[in-house]
Amino acid sequence: MIKLNLKILSFLVLILFLACNTENKTPNVIIIYADDLGFGDVSAYNQGILHTPNIDRIANEGIKFTNGHSSSATCSPSRYALLTGSYPWRNSKAKISTGASMIIDTNQKTLPKMFKENNYSTAIIGKWHLGLGDGLINYNSKISPGPNDVGFDYSYIMPDTQDRVPTVYIEDGYVKNLDNSDPLYVSFKENFDNQPTGDKNPEMLTMKWHHGHFNSIVNGISRIGFMKGGKKAYWSDIDMADHFLNKVKSYIYKNKNKPFFLFYSMQQPHVPRTPHPRFEGKSGMGPRGDVIIEADWCIGELYKTLEKENILENTLIVISSDNGPVLNDGYYDNAVEKIGNHTPSGVLRGGKYSLYEAGTRVPFISYWKGVTPSKVSNKLISQIDLFNSLSTIIGSEIKTSDSNDLSQLLINGDGNEREKLILEASGKTALKYKNWIFIPPYKGKAVSKYTNVELGRSNSYQLYNLKNDLSQRKNLIDQEKEKLIELQEIYNKIINN
């Protein structure tokens, strides 16, 4: 009874706090989602040596979570979890999407639907990578289902990733700038007649592929998949960051007088890393470092836009990343050679594709000027929890079963934290329980052949106490047999539920 009363009291304190600090206004919500940005890539976390002043400002003036997680160590599953408030491993389709049908069911609860039902305008600008259509896609007519069918009023997206075809933008279901006299055709199975590819026409490349990225060539870069036609619609890689940023600014200007939810889904620092010339060489770490500097600048420009339109004080900003970092992910771009003393994963083990901490422990920042305190929190929070937390913050009753209401933590940096979390990497799962990590045995290589990332796979169980061993170097299965059994039972209960 006492515990229940404390929960009720805490909830009332949150409501009172929000009312006093926002003059009863409903906040705009912007989620800024980086792509492959590591725990050590943001200088506010004091792990690496890159300098990200604009993100740092938001992190240092808001709540900087040091134990914030994406759901997965790869992109599509994490995006699915964030937008649906549901574990991706519950959905067999929620895997890395490559020209696939949309993996969010149009009948599912989603963040944008929740916001729409509370009189918000909703938009996604940037990377989508959750599939489109319900079969073979015809890019020469309206593409549906897509973002607009799961709650977004406005969508301006790249379909999958920058390293995949088609290399075009799609606005509200239509390929932008498509010339009907030059129809666009896409295939992930075989090439079209007389179309150059990276493996057969290396003389056409300005960026050499390392593995997997040797199909159709656009702007001197070979991609995953094959494409023909639609040339007037092709994007410019070096202008992509500016292009998405301008769309974000325009959206904010048009919607500044009513509450809005904006999912600003950035493409940096995913491959191919193509910084605008004005950012080339700025990091000293090659293109990967340069596009992080570019992304930081974009976030600074977004901040200035909110200030200029006088809505910064009524906007909740969340910054995070879809998964951990990777250096060599398909192209020779000196990411490995020029890394120097920088540590994209910080002290964490693993990276993108990994069940170790660096696969999913990512930058996670909450900022609302005049509302969130300047605070560092080590409490466990997942991007899955944004659904129920944001629902409470805007006064919605829509919730999902996998998401936890951590609204106080998101706004105050204090309050309840998530106790247990299932993490996923390439279809494999593990359990994070308080300070413990439990990883079941998995067959397969321990280290990725191409990316050189430790994947977290072993023929035996793995058990780590992060309180004493954040770098996960000491497997405690022999010393902590009772804890191993306890966590295995918790893991099985969640997985089989």
Protein backbone atom coordinates (compact mmCIF):
# COMPACT_ATOMS: atom_id res chain seq x y z
CA MET A 1 0.00 0.00 0.00
CA ILE A 2 2.84 2.39 0.90
CA LYS A 3 4.61 1.57 -2.41
CA LEU A 4 1.39 2.23 -4.35
CA ASN A 5 0.83 5.55 -2.58
CA LEU A 6 4.38 6.61 -3.38
CA LYS A 7 3.75 5.89 -7.07
CA ILE A 8 0.58 7.98 -7.01
CA LEU A 9 2.38 10.79 -5.19
CA SER A 10 5.25 10.69 -7.68
CA PHE A 11 2.84 10.90 -10.58
CA LEU A 12 1.06 13.90 -9.04
CA VAL A 13 4.40 15.62 -8.46
CA LEU A 14 5.28 15.11 -12.15
CA ILE A 15 1.96 16.57 -13.31
CA LEU A 16 2.34 19.56 -10.98
CA PHE A 17 5.93 20.06 -12.08
CA LEU A 18 4.99 20.09 -15.77
CA ALA A 19 2.08 22.44 -15.18
CA CYS A 20 4.18 24.94 -13.24
CA ASN A 21 7.05 24.95 -15.70
CA THR A 22 5.18 25.02 -19.01
CA GLU A 23 2.20 27.24 -18.24
CA ASN A 24 -0.07 24.31 -19.08
CA LYS A 25 1.19 24.14 -22.65
CA THR A 26 1.52 20.81 -24.41
CA PRO A 27 5.17 20.46 -25.47
CA ASN A 28 6.38 19.86 -28.96
CA VAL A 29 8.46 16.68 -29.07
CA ILE A 30 11.49 16.17 -31.33
CA ILE A 31 13.39 12.90 -31.39
CA ILE A 32 16.78 13.30 -33.06
CA TYR A 33 17.98 9.85 -34.05
CA ALA A 34 21.57 9.40 -35.19
CA ASP A 35 22.68 6.35 -37.18
CA ASP A 36 25.58 4.26 -35.77
CA LEU A 37 26.66 6.95 -33.30
CA GLY A 38 28.67 5.41 -30.48
CA PHE A 39 28.67 6.00 -26.73
CA GLY A 40 32.13 7.55 -27.06
CA ASP A 41 31.38 9.69 -30.14
CA VAL A 42 29.72 12.49 -28.15
CA SER A 43 32.27 14.50 -26.22
CA ALA A 44 29.85 15.23 -23.36
CA TYR A 45 30.30 11.58 -22.36
CA ASN A 46 34.04 12.10 -21.85
CA GLN A 47 34.97 8.86 -23.60
CA GLY A 48 36.44 9.76 -27.00
CA ILE A 49 38.27 12.80 -28.36
CA LEU A 50 35.84 14.07 -31.01
CA HIS A 51 34.36 17.47 -30.18
CA THR A 52 30.58 17.80 -30.49
CA PRO A 53 29.78 21.21 -28.96
CA ASN A 54 26.15 21.46 -30.02
CA ILE A 55 25.14 18.05 -28.71
CA ASP A 56 27.23 18.76 -25.61
CA ARG A 57 25.30 21.93 -24.90
CA ILE A 58 22.01 20.07 -24.95
CA ALA A 59 23.45 17.18 -22.94
CA ASN A 60 25.00 19.43 -20.29
CA GLU A 61 21.93 21.63 -19.91
CA GLY A 62 19.57 18.65 -19.90
CA ILE A 63 19.63 15.08 -18.64
CA LYS A 64 22.53 12.97 -19.86
CA PHE A 65 21.76 9.28 -19.48
CA THR A 66 24.85 7.11 -19.16
CA ASN A 67 22.83 3.87 -19.15
CA GLY A 68 20.47 4.56 -22.07
CA HIS A 69 19.87 1.81 -24.61
CA SER A 70 18.49 1.21 -28.04
CA SER A 71 16.55 -2.06 -28.25
CA SER A 72 18.93 -3.60 -30.75
CA ALA A 73 22.45 -3.45 -32.10
CA THR A 74 21.18 -2.85 -35.64
CA CYS A 75 19.04 -0.19 -37.26
CA SER A 76 15.65 -1.50 -38.43
CA PRO A 77 14.82 -3.37 -35.19
CA SER A 78 15.71 -0.34 -33.06
CA ARG A 79 13.57 1.97 -35.18
CA TYR A 80 10.72 -0.49 -34.94
CA ALA A 81 11.02 -0.60 -31.14
CA LEU A 82 11.20 3.17 -30.76
CA LEU A 83 8.15 3.84 -32.94
CA THR A 84 5.99 0.99 -31.60
CA GLY A 85 7.07 0.70 -27.97
CA SER A 86 7.43 -3.04 -28.55
CA TYR A 87 10.33 -5.47 -28.53
CA PRO A 88 11.39 -6.16 -32.14
CA TRP A 89 12.19 -9.81 -31.48
CA ARG A 90 8.46 -10.38 -30.97
CA ASN A 91 7.99 -9.58 -34.67
CA SER A 92 9.68 -12.03 -37.06
CA LYS A 93 9.73 -9.31 -39.74
CA ALA A 94 11.59 -6.79 -37.60
CA LYS A 95 15.04 -7.47 -38.99
CA ILE A 96 17.40 -5.33 -41.07
CA SER A 97 15.24 -4.24 -43.97
CA THR A 98 16.52 -4.37 -47.55
CA GLY A 99 13.84 -3.53 -50.08
CA ALA A 100 11.35 -5.38 -47.90
CA SER A 101 7.67 -4.85 -47.16
CA MET A 102 6.88 -2.56 -44.26
CA ILE A 103 7.54 -4.28 -40.93
CA ILE A 104 5.16 -2.12 -38.88
CA ASP A 105 1.58 -3.32 -39.20
CA THR A 106 -0.79 -0.48 -40.06
CA ASN A 107 -3.04 -1.61 -37.20
CA GLN A 108 -0.27 -1.34 -34.60
CA LYS A 109 -0.01 1.34 -31.96
CA THR A 110 2.73 3.78 -32.90
CA LEU A 111 4.23 6.95 -31.47
CA PRO A 112 2.92 9.14 -34.31
CA LYS A 113 -0.58 7.65 -33.95
CA MET A 114 -0.49 8.35 -30.23
CA PHE A 115 0.52 11.96 -30.87
CA LYS A 116 -2.10 12.40 -33.60
CA GLU A 117 -4.85 11.22 -31.30
CA ASN A 118 -3.75 13.99 -28.95
CA ASN A 119 -4.04 16.68 -31.63
CA TYR A 120 -0.40 16.81 -32.67
CA SER A 121 0.94 17.27 -36.17
CA THR A 122 3.41 14.48 -36.90
CA ALA A 123 6.35 14.15 -39.27
CA ILE A 124 9.35 12.00 -40.08
CA ILE A 125 12.24 13.55 -41.96
CA GLY A 126 15.31 11.47 -42.81
CA LYS A 127 16.05 7.78 -42.79
CA TRP A 128 13.13 5.31 -42.67
CA HIS A 129 14.50 1.76 -43.12
CA LEU A 130 11.37 -0.01 -41.94
CA GLY A 131 10.24 -1.31 -45.30
CA LEU A 132 7.65 0.01 -47.73
CA GLY A 133 4.61 -1.46 -49.45
CA ASP A 134 3.27 -4.96 -48.98
CA GLY A 135 5.05 -6.73 -51.82
CA LEU A 136 6.92 -5.73 -54.95
CA ILE A 137 7.19 -1.92 -54.88
CA ASN A 138 6.29 0.21 -57.89
CA TYR A 139 8.31 3.38 -57.38
CA ASN A 140 6.54 5.12 -60.27
CA SER A 141 3.22 5.49 -58.46
CA LYS A 142 2.16 6.11 -54.86
CA ILE A 143 3.97 3.74 -52.49
CA SER A 144 1.76 2.36 -49.75
CA PRO A 145 1.78 1.38 -46.97
CA GLY A 146 4.50 3.68 -45.69
CA PRO A 147 5.14 6.20 -42.91
CA ASN A 148 1.90 8.06 -43.62
CA ASP A 149 -0.06 4.86 -42.95
CA VAL A 150 1.30 4.44 -39.41
CA GLY A 151 0.58 7.94 -38.12
CA PHE A 152 2.87 10.44 -39.82
CA ASP A 153 1.02 13.38 -41.38
CA TYR A 154 4.13 14.28 -43.34
CA SER A 155 7.02 12.09 -44.42
CA TYR A 156 10.17 12.97 -46.31
CA ILE A 157 12.45 9.97 -46.26
CA MET A 158 15.19 7.92 -47.80
CA PRO A 159 13.62 4.45 -48.20
CA ASP A 160 16.30 2.32 -46.53
CA THR A 161 19.87 3.50 -46.04
CA GLN A 162 22.34 5.66 -47.92
CA ASP A 163 24.25 2.57 -49.05
CA ARG A 164 21.17 0.90 -50.55
CA VAL A 165 19.09 1.54 -53.64
CA PRO A 166 16.97 3.35 -54.56
CA THR A 167 18.99 6.52 -54.05
CA VAL A 168 15.94 8.79 -54.11
CA TYR A 169 13.83 10.73 -51.61
CA ILE A 170 10.19 9.82 -51.06
CA GLU A 171 7.72 12.49 -49.98
CA ASP A 172 4.34 11.34 -48.69
CA GLY A 173 4.58 8.15 -50.72
CA TYR A 174 5.86 9.59 -54.00
CA VAL A 175 9.42 9.60 -55.34
CA LYS A 176 10.52 13.23 -55.30
CA ASN A 177 11.39 14.82 -58.68
CA LEU A 178 10.66 11.62 -60.61
CA ASP A 179 10.39 12.11 -64.39
CA ASN A 180 7.58 9.90 -65.68
CA SER A 181 9.39 9.53 -68.98
CA ASP A 182 12.30 7.87 -67.15
CA PRO A 183 10.68 5.34 -64.81
CA LEU A 184 12.59 3.94 -61.84
CA TYR A 185 13.21 0.20 -61.50
CA VAL A 186 14.75 -1.51 -58.47
CA SER A 187 15.91 -5.06 -57.81
CA PHE A 188 17.83 -6.76 -55.03
CA LYS A 189 18.20 -10.00 -56.95
CA GLU A 190 19.79 -9.23 -60.33
CA ASN A 191 21.17 -6.33 -62.32
CA PHE A 192 19.43 -4.65 -65.21
CA ASP A 193 20.94 -4.79 -68.71
CA ASN A 194 24.01 -2.61 -69.32
CA GLN A 195 23.99 -1.02 -65.84
CA PRO A 196 27.46 -0.48 -64.34
CA THR A 197 28.32 -1.99 -60.95
CA GLY A 198 31.08 -1.51 -58.43
CA ASP A 199 32.64 -4.93 -58.97
CA LYS A 200 32.69 -4.72 -62.78
CA ASN A 201 33.34 -0.99 -63.25
CA PRO A 202 35.77 0.09 -60.51
CA GLU A 203 37.06 2.90 -62.74
CA MET A 204 33.77 4.74 -62.12
CA LEU A 205 34.15 4.77 -58.34
CA THR A 206 35.18 7.71 -56.16
CA MET A 207 34.82 5.56 -53.03
CA LYS A 208 36.14 2.00 -53.08
CA TRP A 209 33.92 -0.71 -51.62
CA HIS A 210 35.32 -3.11 -49.06
CA HIS A 211 32.60 -5.74 -48.72
CA GLY A 212 29.01 -6.18 -49.84
CA HIS A 213 28.61 -2.80 -51.51
CA PHE A 214 29.44 -3.57 -55.13
CA ASN A 215 26.16 -3.20 -57.04
CA SER A 216 24.69 -0.15 -58.80
CA ILE A 217 26.84 2.98 -58.92
CA VAL A 218 25.39 6.41 -58.08
CA ASN A 219 27.53 9.52 -57.62
CA GLY A 220 30.68 7.40 -57.82
CA ILE A 221 29.54 5.12 -54.98
CA SER A 222 28.44 1.52 -55.47
CA ARG A 223 25.48 0.41 -53.37
CA ILE A 224 23.61 -2.66 -52.19
CA GLY A 225 21.05 -3.59 -54.84
CA PHE A 226 20.41 -2.69 -58.46
CA MET A 227 18.67 0.29 -59.97
CA LYS A 228 17.80 1.64 -63.38
CA GLY A 229 16.18 4.90 -64.54
CA GLY A 230 14.74 7.74 -62.45
CA LYS A 231 17.93 9.77 -62.79
CA LYS A 232 16.37 13.18 -62.16
CA ALA A 233 15.27 11.93 -58.76
CA TYR A 234 18.71 10.81 -57.56
CA TRP A 235 19.91 12.46 -54.39
CA SER A 236 23.24 14.23 -53.95
CA ASP A 237 25.14 12.41 -51.20
CA ILE A 238 27.25 15.35 -50.08
CA ASP A 239 24.15 17.57 -49.81
CA MET A 240 22.01 15.07 -47.91
CA ALA A 241 22.56 16.48 -44.42
CA ASP A 242 21.72 20.01 -45.58
CA HIS A 243 18.74 18.71 -47.53
CA PHE A 244 17.16 16.97 -44.55
CA LEU A 245 17.99 19.89 -42.25
CA ASN A 246 16.23 22.35 -44.56
CA LYS A 247 13.16 20.11 -44.59
CA VAL A 248 13.26 20.06 -40.77
CA LYS A 249 13.50 23.85 -40.59
CA SER A 250 10.64 24.26 -43.04
CA TYR A 251 8.45 21.83 -41.09
CA ILE A 252 9.09 23.63 -37.80
CA TYR A 253 8.29 27.01 -39.36
CA LYS A 254 4.99 25.74 -40.81
CA ASN A 255 3.91 24.02 -37.60
CA LYS A 256 5.27 26.32 -34.88
CA ASN A 257 1.81 27.52 -33.82
CA LYS A 258 0.46 24.10 -32.92
CA PRO A 259 1.92 21.11 -31.07
CA PHE A 260 3.99 18.79 -33.24
CA PHE A 261 5.95 15.56 -33.03
CA LEU A 262 9.00 15.40 -35.29
CA PHE A 263 11.15 12.32 -35.82
CA TYR A 264 14.39 13.75 -37.23
CA SER A 265 16.10 10.57 -38.39
CA MET A 266 19.66 11.48 -39.38
CA GLN A 267 21.82 9.41 -41.73
CA GLN A 268 25.17 10.14 -40.05
CA PRO A 269 27.57 8.47 -39.39
CA HIS A 270 26.29 5.47 -41.39
CA VAL A 271 28.16 4.48 -44.54
CA PRO A 272 28.80 5.77 -47.12
CA ARG A 273 30.18 8.70 -45.17
CA THR A 274 29.91 11.68 -47.47
CA PRO A 275 30.42 14.95 -45.58
CA HIS A 276 29.73 18.20 -47.36
CA PRO A 277 33.04 19.74 -48.55
CA ARG A 278 32.85 22.41 -45.84
CA PHE A 279 33.22 19.66 -43.22
CA GLU A 280 35.93 17.62 -44.96
CA GLY A 281 39.03 17.27 -42.82
CA LYS A 282 37.46 19.01 -39.82
CA SER A 283 37.77 16.02 -37.49
CA GLY A 284 41.19 14.73 -38.52
CA MET A 285 39.66 11.25 -38.50
CA GLY A 286 38.53 10.96 -42.08
CA PRO A 287 34.92 10.91 -43.32
CA ARG A 288 33.47 9.15 -40.27
CA GLY A 289 34.66 11.84 -37.91
CA ASP A 290 33.73 14.56 -40.39
CA VAL A 291 30.10 13.44 -40.72
CA ILE A 292 29.77 13.38 -36.92
CA ILE A 293 30.98 16.97 -36.87
CA GLU A 294 28.45 17.67 -39.64
CA ALA A 295 25.63 16.02 -37.67
CA ASP A 296 26.54 18.03 -34.59
CA TRP A 297 26.33 21.22 -36.67
CA CYS A 298 22.89 20.19 -37.96
CA ILE A 299 21.67 19.73 -34.39
CA GLY A 300 23.03 23.18 -33.54
CA GLU A 301 21.10 24.65 -36.48
CA LEU A 302 17.93 22.92 -35.28
CA TYR A 303 18.45 24.43 -31.84
CA LYS A 304 18.86 27.90 -33.37
CA THR A 305 15.68 27.43 -35.39
CA LEU A 306 13.69 26.63 -32.26
CA GLU A 307 15.15 29.72 -30.60
CA LYS A 308 14.36 31.92 -33.58
CA GLU A 309 10.75 30.73 -33.72
CA ASN A 310 10.38 31.22 -29.94
CA ILE A 311 9.39 27.62 -29.25
CA LEU A 312 12.56 26.25 -27.62
CA GLU A 313 11.02 26.63 -24.14
CA ASN A 314 8.06 24.52 -25.21
CA THR A 315 9.93 21.72 -26.97
CA LEU A 316 11.14 18.46 -25.48
CA ILE A 317 14.19 17.18 -27.36
CA VAL A 318 15.45 13.60 -27.13
CA ILE A 319 18.76 12.72 -28.79
CA SER A 320 19.91 9.13 -29.23
CA SER A 321 21.27 6.60 -31.73
CA ASP A 322 19.84 3.44 -33.27
CA ASN A 323 22.83 1.30 -32.25
CA GLY A 324 26.48 1.42 -31.38
CA PRO A 325 29.41 2.35 -33.59
CA VAL A 326 31.24 0.56 -36.38
CA LEU A 327 34.31 1.66 -38.32
CA ASN A 328 34.64 -0.52 -41.43
CA ASP A 329 31.08 -1.21 -42.54
CA GLY A 330 31.47 -1.68 -46.28
CA TYR A 331 33.77 0.97 -47.77
CA TYR A 332 37.41 1.96 -47.62
CA ASP A 333 37.12 5.42 -46.05
CA ASN A 334 40.04 5.49 -43.60
CA ALA A 335 37.76 5.11 -40.59
CA VAL A 336 40.09 2.46 -39.18
CA GLU A 337 43.35 4.03 -40.29
CA LYS A 338 42.58 7.52 -38.97
CA ILE A 339 40.83 6.63 -35.72
CA GLY A 340 43.90 7.59 -33.69
CA ASN A 341 43.16 7.79 -29.97
CA HIS A 342 39.43 8.22 -30.43
CA THR A 343 37.26 5.48 -28.88
CA PRO A 344 33.78 5.38 -30.49
CA SER A 345 32.62 2.78 -27.94
CA GLY A 346 34.39 4.40 -25.01
CA VAL A 347 35.25 1.78 -22.42
CA LEU A 348 32.44 -0.48 -23.61
CA ARG A 349 33.00 -3.78 -25.37
CA GLY A 350 31.65 -4.54 -28.83
CA GLY A 351 29.81 -2.21 -31.20
CA LYS A 352 27.19 -2.38 -33.91
CA TYR A 353 25.93 -5.99 -34.42
CA SER A 354 27.10 -6.95 -30.91
CA LEU A 355 25.34 -8.31 -27.81
CA TYR A 356 27.97 -6.62 -25.67
CA GLU A 357 27.21 -3.24 -24.13
CA ALA A 358 28.56 -1.09 -26.98
CA GLY A 359 25.97 -2.62 -29.30
CA THR A 360 23.05 -0.90 -27.59
CA ARG A 361 24.34 1.47 -24.89
CA VAL A 362 24.25 4.71 -26.83
CA PRO A 363 24.11 8.46 -26.27
CA PHE A 364 20.71 9.24 -24.72
CA ILE A 365 19.81 12.83 -23.87
CA SER A 366 16.61 14.54 -22.74
CA TYR A 367 16.31 18.33 -22.86
CA TRP A 368 13.48 20.76 -22.27
CA LYS A 369 14.66 24.29 -21.57
CA GLY A 370 13.52 25.49 -18.19
CA VAL A 371 12.05 22.12 -17.28
CA THR A 372 14.70 19.40 -17.32
CA PRO A 373 17.48 19.91 -14.79
CA SER A 374 21.16 19.78 -15.68
CA LYS A 375 21.81 16.26 -14.53
CA VAL A 376 23.67 13.00 -15.20
CA SER A 377 21.65 9.84 -14.66
CA ASN A 378 22.99 6.30 -14.56
CA LYS A 379 19.50 4.80 -14.33
CA LEU A 380 18.52 2.24 -16.95
CA ILE A 381 16.24 3.54 -19.69
CA SER A 382 15.47 2.13 -23.14
CA GLN A 383 14.18 3.76 -26.29
CA ILE A 384 11.25 1.35 -25.98
CA ASP A 385 10.26 3.36 -22.90
CA LEU A 386 9.82 6.56 -24.88
CA PHE A 387 6.35 5.40 -25.93
CA ASN A 388 4.74 5.20 -22.50
CA SER A 389 6.83 8.04 -21.08
CA LEU A 390 5.90 10.51 -23.82
CA SER A 391 2.32 9.31 -23.62
CA THR A 392 2.17 10.36 -19.97
CA ILE A 393 3.94 13.66 -20.61
CA ILE A 394 1.36 14.77 -23.20
CA GLY A 395 -1.58 13.39 -21.24
CA SER A 396 -2.39 10.39 -23.41
CA GLU A 397 -3.84 7.14 -22.11
CA ILE A 398 -2.37 5.06 -24.96
CA LYS A 399 0.29 2.66 -23.70
CA THR A 400 2.06 -0.54 -24.78
CA SER A 401 2.96 -3.56 -22.65
CA ASP A 402 6.70 -3.62 -23.39
CA SER A 403 7.23 0.08 -22.74
CA ASN A 404 7.72 1.43 -19.19
CA ASP A 405 6.41 4.79 -18.07
CA LEU A 406 9.65 6.53 -17.10
CA SER A 407 8.30 10.03 -17.64
CA GLN A 408 9.73 11.31 -14.39
CA LEU A 409 13.14 9.96 -15.31
CA LEU A 410 12.92 11.57 -18.75
CA ILE A 411 11.86 14.95 -17.34
CA ASN A 412 13.44 15.05 -13.87
CA GLY A 413 16.36 12.67 -14.23
CA ASP A 414 15.03 10.86 -11.20
CA GLY A 415 12.32 8.35 -10.34
CA ASN A 416 11.80 4.76 -11.41
CA GLU A 417 14.16 3.08 -13.84
CA ARG A 418 13.77 -0.02 -15.98
CA GLU A 419 14.75 -3.13 -14.05
CA LYS A 420 15.22 -5.59 -16.90
CA LEU A 421 15.69 -5.29 -20.64
CA ILE A 422 16.04 -7.81 -23.44
CA LEU A 423 18.73 -6.73 -25.90
CA GLU A 424 18.90 -7.98 -29.49
CA ALA A 425 21.61 -8.27 -32.12
CA SER A 426 21.08 -9.97 -35.49
CA GLY A 427 18.32 -12.17 -34.11
CA LYS A 428 20.22 -13.14 -30.95
CA THR A 429 19.01 -11.91 -27.54
CA ALA A 430 20.47 -11.28 -24.11
CA LEU A 431 19.21 -10.00 -20.75
CA LYS A 432 20.24 -6.85 -18.94
CA TYR A 433 19.03 -7.06 -15.33
CA LYS A 434 20.01 -4.20 -13.05
CA ASN A 435 23.85 -4.26 -13.17
CA TRP A 436 24.02 -7.74 -14.67
CA ILE A 437 24.29 -8.99 -18.25
CA PHE A 438 23.28 -12.54 -19.15
CA ILE A 439 24.10 -13.87 -22.63
CA PRO A 440 23.00 -17.38 -23.63
CA PRO A 441 25.34 -19.58 -25.72
CA TYR A 442 25.26 -18.93 -29.46
CA LYS A 443 27.02 -20.67 -32.29
CA GLY A 444 28.96 -18.65 -34.80
CA LYS A 445 32.06 -16.52 -35.04
CA ALA A 446 32.97 -14.45 -32.01
CA VAL A 447 34.30 -11.62 -34.17
CA SER A 448 32.81 -10.34 -37.43
CA LYS A 449 35.07 -11.13 -40.37
CA TYR A 450 34.55 -7.78 -42.07
CA THR A 451 33.74 -5.24 -39.36
CA ASN A 452 36.10 -6.74 -36.75
CA VAL A 453 33.43 -6.21 -34.07
CA GLU A 454 33.13 -8.67 -31.16
CA LEU A 455 29.62 -10.06 -31.59
CA GLY A 456 29.09 -11.37 -28.07
CA ARG A 457 28.70 -14.96 -29.19
CA SER A 458 30.22 -17.89 -27.31
CA ASN A 459 29.65 -21.63 -26.97
CA SER A 460 29.10 -21.13 -23.24
CA TYR A 461 26.96 -18.85 -21.10
CA GLN A 462 28.26 -15.38 -20.32
CA LEU A 463 27.58 -13.43 -17.15
CA TYR A 464 28.97 -9.99 -16.35
CA ASN A 465 28.58 -7.62 -13.42
CA LEU A 466 28.71 -4.15 -14.98
CA LYS A 467 29.04 -2.45 -11.60
CA ASN A 468 32.59 -3.78 -11.28
CA ASP A 469 33.32 -4.65 -14.90
CA LEU A 470 31.78 -2.19 -17.35
CA SER A 471 34.13 -3.41 -20.10
CA GLN A 472 32.78 -6.96 -19.70
CA ARG A 473 36.14 -8.71 -19.44
CA LYS A 474 35.43 -11.17 -16.60
CA ASN A 475 32.87 -13.91 -17.26
CA LEU A 476 31.43 -14.89 -13.85
CA ILE A 477 29.59 -18.11 -14.71
CA ASP A 478 31.83 -20.17 -12.44
CA GLN A 479 31.80 -17.75 -9.50
CA GLU A 480 28.11 -16.73 -9.65
CA LYS A 481 26.23 -19.95 -10.40
CA GLU A 482 23.12 -18.97 -8.46
CA LYS A 483 22.93 -15.61 -10.21
CA LEU A 484 23.32 -17.37 -13.55
CA ILE A 485 20.33 -19.60 -12.80
CA GLU A 486 18.29 -16.62 -11.56
CA LEU A 487 18.92 -14.57 -14.69
CA GLN A 488 18.31 -17.51 -16.99
CA GLU A 489 14.88 -17.93 -15.42
CA ILE A 490 14.09 -14.22 -15.81
CA TYR A 491 15.28 -14.30 -19.40
CA ASN A 492 13.20 -17.36 -20.30
CA LYS A 493 10.10 -15.90 -18.67
CA ILE A 494 10.29 -12.71 -20.75
CA ILE A 495 11.21 -14.44 -24.00
CA ASN A 496 8.42 -17.00 -23.68
CA ASN A 497 5.77 -14.50 -22.57
